[in-house]
Amino acid sequence: MIKELAFKTDDGVAHREIARGGIDDVREGDYHVGGTASTSIQPYDIKKIYGGKKFNDKKDLLLKGSWYILNLPTPILTNVTITVNSAQDMNDMVNKLIAFSQ
């Protein structure tokens, strides 16, 4: 589930979406569906939640960036916040990041 997503459109406009009551994933919202149908986006600030409905099952991953990073010659996200409930969950999240970055 993607709970928060910030992105820049092709025309240079920055947007931020936050899923509140009734929506589990911002990508299912009307604005996001309609927007991505008309233009491509460059995500730069993403919060993803892994796990079940129970608090102890959830793992959060926040890739923190800003729109101007996308304009750099080599755009790269350098900050991550991981929220977990165990050392094993932390290892799992780090392994997900490593696998994604390759």
N, C-alpha and C. Protein backbone atom coordinates (compact mmCIF):
# COMPACT_ATOMS: atom_id res chain seq x y z
N MET A 1 0.84 -1.18 0.00
CA MET A 1 0.00 0.00 0.00
C MET A 1 0.89 1.24 0.00
N ILE A 2 0.60 2.17 -0.86
CA ILE A 2 1.29 3.45 -0.87
C ILE A 2 0.39 4.46 -0.18
N LYS A 3 0.80 4.92 1.00
CA LYS A 3 -0.02 5.85 1.79
C LYS A 3 0.27 7.30 1.46
N GLU A 4 1.49 7.62 1.05
CA GLU A 4 1.84 8.98 0.67
C GLU A 4 2.71 8.92 -0.57
N LEU A 5 2.51 9.89 -1.46
CA LEU A 5 3.31 9.94 -2.68
C LEU A 5 3.43 11.39 -3.12
N ALA A 6 4.64 11.86 -3.29
CA ALA A 6 4.88 13.17 -3.87
C ALA A 6 5.58 12.95 -5.19
N PHE A 7 5.20 13.76 -6.20
CA PHE A 7 5.76 13.55 -7.53
C PHE A 7 5.72 14.84 -8.33
N LYS A 8 6.51 14.86 -9.40
CA LYS A 8 6.54 15.98 -10.33
C LYS A 8 6.04 15.49 -11.67
N THR A 9 5.21 16.29 -12.33
CA THR A 9 4.70 15.94 -13.65
C THR A 9 5.65 16.45 -14.72
N ASP A 10 5.41 16.03 -15.97
CA ASP A 10 6.26 16.44 -17.08
C ASP A 10 6.34 17.96 -17.24
N ASP A 11 5.24 18.65 -16.90
CA ASP A 11 5.25 20.11 -17.06
C ASP A 11 5.86 20.84 -15.87
N GLY A 12 6.41 20.08 -14.89
CA GLY A 12 7.13 20.69 -13.78
C GLY A 12 6.31 21.02 -12.56
N VAL A 13 5.06 20.57 -12.50
CA VAL A 13 4.21 20.84 -11.34
C VAL A 13 4.40 19.72 -10.31
N ALA A 14 4.61 20.12 -9.05
CA ALA A 14 4.78 19.14 -7.98
C ALA A 14 3.44 18.88 -7.29
N HIS A 15 3.19 17.63 -6.95
CA HIS A 15 1.94 17.23 -6.28
C HIS A 15 2.29 16.35 -5.08
N ARG A 16 1.40 16.33 -4.09
CA ARG A 16 1.53 15.44 -2.94
C ARG A 16 0.15 14.83 -2.68
N GLU A 17 0.13 13.50 -2.57
CA GLU A 17 -1.11 12.79 -2.27
C GLU A 17 -0.94 12.03 -0.97
N ILE A 18 -1.94 12.08 -0.12
CA ILE A 18 -1.95 11.35 1.15
C ILE A 18 -3.27 10.60 1.24
N ALA A 19 -3.19 9.28 1.42
CA ALA A 19 -4.40 8.46 1.54
C ALA A 19 -4.98 8.63 2.93
N ARG A 20 -6.18 9.11 2.99
CA ARG A 20 -6.88 9.25 4.27
C ARG A 20 -8.05 8.28 4.28
N GLY A 21 -8.95 8.42 5.22
CA GLY A 21 -10.05 7.48 5.42
C GLY A 21 -10.71 6.99 4.14
N GLY A 22 -10.90 5.68 4.05
CA GLY A 22 -11.60 5.08 2.93
C GLY A 22 -10.72 4.62 1.79
N ILE A 23 -9.46 5.06 1.75
CA ILE A 23 -8.54 4.64 0.68
C ILE A 23 -7.29 4.07 1.33
N ASP A 24 -6.89 2.88 0.90
CA ASP A 24 -5.69 2.25 1.43
C ASP A 24 -4.44 2.63 0.63
N ASP A 25 -4.61 2.97 -0.64
CA ASP A 25 -3.48 3.20 -1.53
C ASP A 25 -3.77 4.44 -2.38
N VAL A 26 -2.89 5.44 -2.35
CA VAL A 26 -3.14 6.69 -3.09
C VAL A 26 -3.27 6.44 -4.59
N ARG A 27 -2.67 5.36 -5.08
CA ARG A 27 -2.74 5.08 -6.51
C ARG A 27 -4.14 4.68 -6.95
N GLU A 28 -5.05 4.43 -5.98
CA GLU A 28 -6.43 4.09 -6.31
C GLU A 28 -7.34 5.31 -6.30
N GLY A 29 -6.82 6.46 -5.90
CA GLY A 29 -7.63 7.69 -5.85
C GLY A 29 -7.94 8.23 -7.23
N ASP A 30 -9.07 8.93 -7.37
CA ASP A 30 -9.50 9.46 -8.67
C ASP A 30 -8.47 10.39 -9.29
N TYR A 31 -7.90 11.27 -8.49
CA TYR A 31 -6.93 12.23 -9.03
C TYR A 31 -5.71 11.51 -9.58
N HIS A 32 -5.21 10.56 -8.82
CA HIS A 32 -3.99 9.86 -9.26
C HIS A 32 -4.27 9.05 -10.52
N VAL A 33 -5.39 8.36 -10.58
CA VAL A 33 -5.73 7.55 -11.75
C VAL A 33 -5.89 8.45 -12.97
N GLY A 34 -6.64 9.53 -12.82
CA GLY A 34 -6.85 10.46 -13.93
C GLY A 34 -5.57 11.16 -14.33
N GLY A 35 -4.77 11.54 -13.34
CA GLY A 35 -3.53 12.26 -13.62
C GLY A 35 -2.52 11.41 -14.35
N THR A 36 -2.33 10.17 -13.92
CA THR A 36 -1.34 9.32 -14.57
C THR A 36 -1.80 8.88 -15.96
N ALA A 37 -3.10 8.97 -16.22
CA ALA A 37 -3.60 8.63 -17.56
C ALA A 37 -3.24 9.74 -18.56
N SER A 38 -3.02 10.97 -18.06
CA SER A 38 -2.77 12.08 -18.97
C SER A 38 -1.31 12.52 -19.02
N THR A 39 -0.49 12.08 -18.09
CA THR A 39 0.92 12.48 -18.08
C THR A 39 1.74 11.46 -17.31
N SER A 40 3.03 11.42 -17.57
CA SER A 40 3.89 10.55 -16.77
C SER A 40 4.37 11.34 -15.56
N ILE A 41 4.68 10.63 -14.49
CA ILE A 41 5.12 11.29 -13.26
C ILE A 41 6.50 10.80 -12.87
N GLN A 42 7.18 11.62 -12.06
CA GLN A 42 8.48 11.26 -11.50
C GLN A 42 8.34 11.29 -9.98
N PRO A 43 8.11 10.13 -9.33
CA PRO A 43 7.97 10.12 -7.87
C PRO A 43 9.29 10.45 -7.18
N TYR A 44 9.21 11.20 -6.07
CA TYR A 44 10.42 11.53 -5.32
C TYR A 44 10.27 11.40 -3.81
N ASP A 45 9.09 11.24 -3.31
CA ASP A 45 8.85 11.16 -1.88
C ASP A 45 7.75 10.13 -1.68
N ILE A 46 8.11 8.93 -1.23
CA ILE A 46 7.17 7.80 -1.23
C ILE A 46 7.14 7.15 0.14
N LYS A 47 5.92 6.92 0.65
CA LYS A 47 5.76 6.15 1.88
C LYS A 47 4.98 4.90 1.53
N LYS A 48 5.59 3.75 1.82
CA LYS A 48 4.96 2.47 1.52
C LYS A 48 4.81 1.68 2.82
N ILE A 49 3.66 1.01 2.97
CA ILE A 49 3.39 0.20 4.15
C ILE A 49 3.29 -1.25 3.72
N TYR A 50 4.05 -2.09 4.39
CA TYR A 50 4.02 -3.54 4.15
C TYR A 50 3.34 -4.19 5.34
N GLY A 51 2.77 -5.36 5.14
CA GLY A 51 2.22 -6.13 6.25
C GLY A 51 0.72 -6.10 6.33
N GLY A 52 0.23 -6.66 7.43
CA GLY A 52 -1.20 -6.82 7.62
C GLY A 52 -1.87 -5.64 8.29
N LYS A 53 -3.08 -5.86 8.73
CA LYS A 53 -3.88 -4.82 9.35
C LYS A 53 -3.49 -4.54 10.80
N LYS A 54 -2.89 -5.53 11.48
CA LYS A 54 -2.51 -5.34 12.87
C LYS A 54 -1.27 -4.46 12.97
N PHE A 55 -1.19 -3.66 14.03
CA PHE A 55 -0.07 -2.75 14.22
C PHE A 55 1.26 -3.48 14.21
N ASN A 56 1.34 -4.62 14.89
CA ASN A 56 2.60 -5.36 14.99
C ASN A 56 3.04 -5.99 13.66
N ASP A 57 2.12 -6.11 12.71
CA ASP A 57 2.45 -6.70 11.42
C ASP A 57 2.96 -5.66 10.42
N LYS A 58 2.74 -4.38 10.71
CA LYS A 58 3.04 -3.34 9.74
C LYS A 58 4.51 -2.94 9.78
N LYS A 59 5.01 -2.64 8.58
CA LYS A 59 6.37 -2.12 8.41
C LYS A 59 6.25 -0.93 7.46
N ASP A 60 6.79 0.21 7.84
CA ASP A 60 6.73 1.41 7.02
C ASP A 60 8.09 1.72 6.42
N LEU A 61 8.07 2.18 5.19
CA LEU A 61 9.28 2.59 4.50
C LEU A 61 9.00 3.96 3.88
N LEU A 62 9.78 4.96 4.25
CA LEU A 62 9.62 6.31 3.72
C LEU A 62 10.89 6.70 2.98
N LEU A 63 10.78 6.85 1.66
CA LEU A 63 11.88 7.35 0.84
C LEU A 63 11.67 8.85 0.70
N LYS A 64 12.52 9.61 1.36
CA LYS A 64 12.33 11.05 1.46
C LYS A 64 13.18 11.77 0.43
N GLY A 65 12.55 12.58 -0.38
CA GLY A 65 13.25 13.37 -1.38
C GLY A 65 12.55 14.69 -1.57
N SER A 66 12.91 15.40 -2.62
CA SER A 66 12.25 16.66 -2.96
C SER A 66 12.26 16.82 -4.47
N TRP A 67 11.37 17.64 -4.97
CA TRP A 67 11.21 17.78 -6.42
C TRP A 67 12.47 18.28 -7.11
N TYR A 68 13.25 19.11 -6.45
CA TYR A 68 14.43 19.66 -7.13
C TYR A 68 15.53 18.62 -7.30
N ILE A 69 15.50 17.53 -6.52
CA ILE A 69 16.48 16.46 -6.71
C ILE A 69 16.35 15.87 -8.12
N LEU A 70 15.13 15.86 -8.65
CA LEU A 70 14.92 15.30 -9.99
C LEU A 70 15.60 16.11 -11.07
N ASN A 71 15.93 17.38 -10.79
CA ASN A 71 16.57 18.23 -11.79
C ASN A 71 18.09 18.16 -11.73
N LEU A 72 18.64 17.43 -10.78
CA LEU A 72 20.09 17.29 -10.69
C LEU A 72 20.61 16.40 -11.82
N PRO A 73 21.89 16.55 -12.21
CA PRO A 73 22.43 15.70 -13.27
C PRO A 73 22.30 14.20 -12.97
N THR A 74 22.48 13.83 -11.70
CA THR A 74 22.30 12.44 -11.29
C THR A 74 21.32 12.41 -10.12
N PRO A 75 20.01 12.37 -10.43
CA PRO A 75 19.02 12.37 -9.34
C PRO A 75 19.10 11.08 -8.53
N ILE A 76 19.12 11.22 -7.22
CA ILE A 76 19.22 10.04 -6.35
C ILE A 76 18.55 10.36 -5.01
N LEU A 77 17.82 9.39 -4.49
CA LEU A 77 17.24 9.52 -3.15
C LEU A 77 18.28 9.04 -2.15
N THR A 78 18.53 9.86 -1.14
CA THR A 78 19.59 9.52 -0.17
C THR A 78 19.07 9.31 1.23
N ASN A 79 17.78 9.50 1.46
CA ASN A 79 17.24 9.37 2.81
C ASN A 79 16.13 8.33 2.84
N VAL A 80 16.17 7.49 3.87
CA VAL A 80 15.12 6.51 4.07
C VAL A 80 14.82 6.43 5.56
N THR A 81 13.54 6.30 5.88
CA THR A 81 13.12 6.07 7.26
C THR A 81 12.37 4.74 7.28
N ILE A 82 12.81 3.84 8.15
CA ILE A 82 12.19 2.53 8.26
C ILE A 82 11.59 2.42 9.66
N THR A 83 10.32 2.04 9.73
CA THR A 83 9.64 1.84 11.01
C THR A 83 9.21 0.39 11.09
N VAL A 84 9.78 -0.35 12.07
CA VAL A 84 9.49 -1.78 12.20
C VAL A 84 9.33 -2.12 13.69
N ASN A 85 8.96 -3.37 13.94
CA ASN A 85 8.75 -3.83 15.31
C ASN A 85 9.75 -4.87 15.77
N SER A 86 10.68 -5.26 14.91
CA SER A 86 11.66 -6.28 15.31
C SER A 86 12.92 -6.16 14.46
N ALA A 87 14.00 -6.78 14.93
CA ALA A 87 15.25 -6.78 14.19
C ALA A 87 15.09 -7.54 12.87
N GLN A 88 14.32 -8.62 12.89
CA GLN A 88 14.07 -9.39 11.66
C GLN A 88 13.35 -8.53 10.62
N ASP A 89 12.35 -7.76 11.07
CA ASP A 89 11.64 -6.87 10.15
C ASP A 89 12.59 -5.83 9.56
N MET A 90 13.51 -5.32 10.37
CA MET A 90 14.50 -4.35 9.88
C MET A 90 15.36 -4.98 8.79
N ASN A 91 15.84 -6.19 9.04
CA ASN A 91 16.64 -6.90 8.04
C ASN A 91 15.86 -7.11 6.75
N ASP A 92 14.58 -7.48 6.88
CA ASP A 92 13.74 -7.69 5.70
C ASP A 92 13.62 -6.41 4.88
N MET A 93 13.40 -5.29 5.56
CA MET A 93 13.23 -4.01 4.87
C MET A 93 14.54 -3.58 4.18
N VAL A 94 15.66 -3.75 4.85
CA VAL A 94 16.95 -3.40 4.26
C VAL A 94 17.19 -4.27 3.03
N ASN A 95 16.87 -5.55 3.11
CA ASN A 95 17.03 -6.44 1.96
C ASN A 95 16.14 -6.03 0.79
N LYS A 96 14.91 -5.55 1.09
CA LYS A 96 14.01 -5.05 0.04
C LYS A 96 14.65 -3.85 -0.66
N LEU A 97 15.22 -2.95 0.13
CA LEU A 97 15.87 -1.77 -0.46
C LEU A 97 17.05 -2.16 -1.34
N ILE A 98 17.85 -3.08 -0.86
CA ILE A 98 19.02 -3.52 -1.64
C ILE A 98 18.57 -4.17 -2.94
N ALA A 99 17.56 -5.03 -2.87
CA ALA A 99 17.07 -5.70 -4.07
C ALA A 99 16.50 -4.69 -5.06
N PHE A 100 15.77 -3.70 -4.55
CA PHE A 100 15.15 -2.69 -5.42
C PHE A 100 16.20 -1.81 -6.10
N SER A 101 17.29 -1.54 -5.41
CA SER A 101 18.30 -0.60 -5.93
C SER A 101 19.21 -1.24 -6.99
N GLN A 102 19.16 -2.54 -7.13
CA GLN A 102 20.05 -3.20 -8.11
C GLN A 102 19.49 -3.22 -9.49
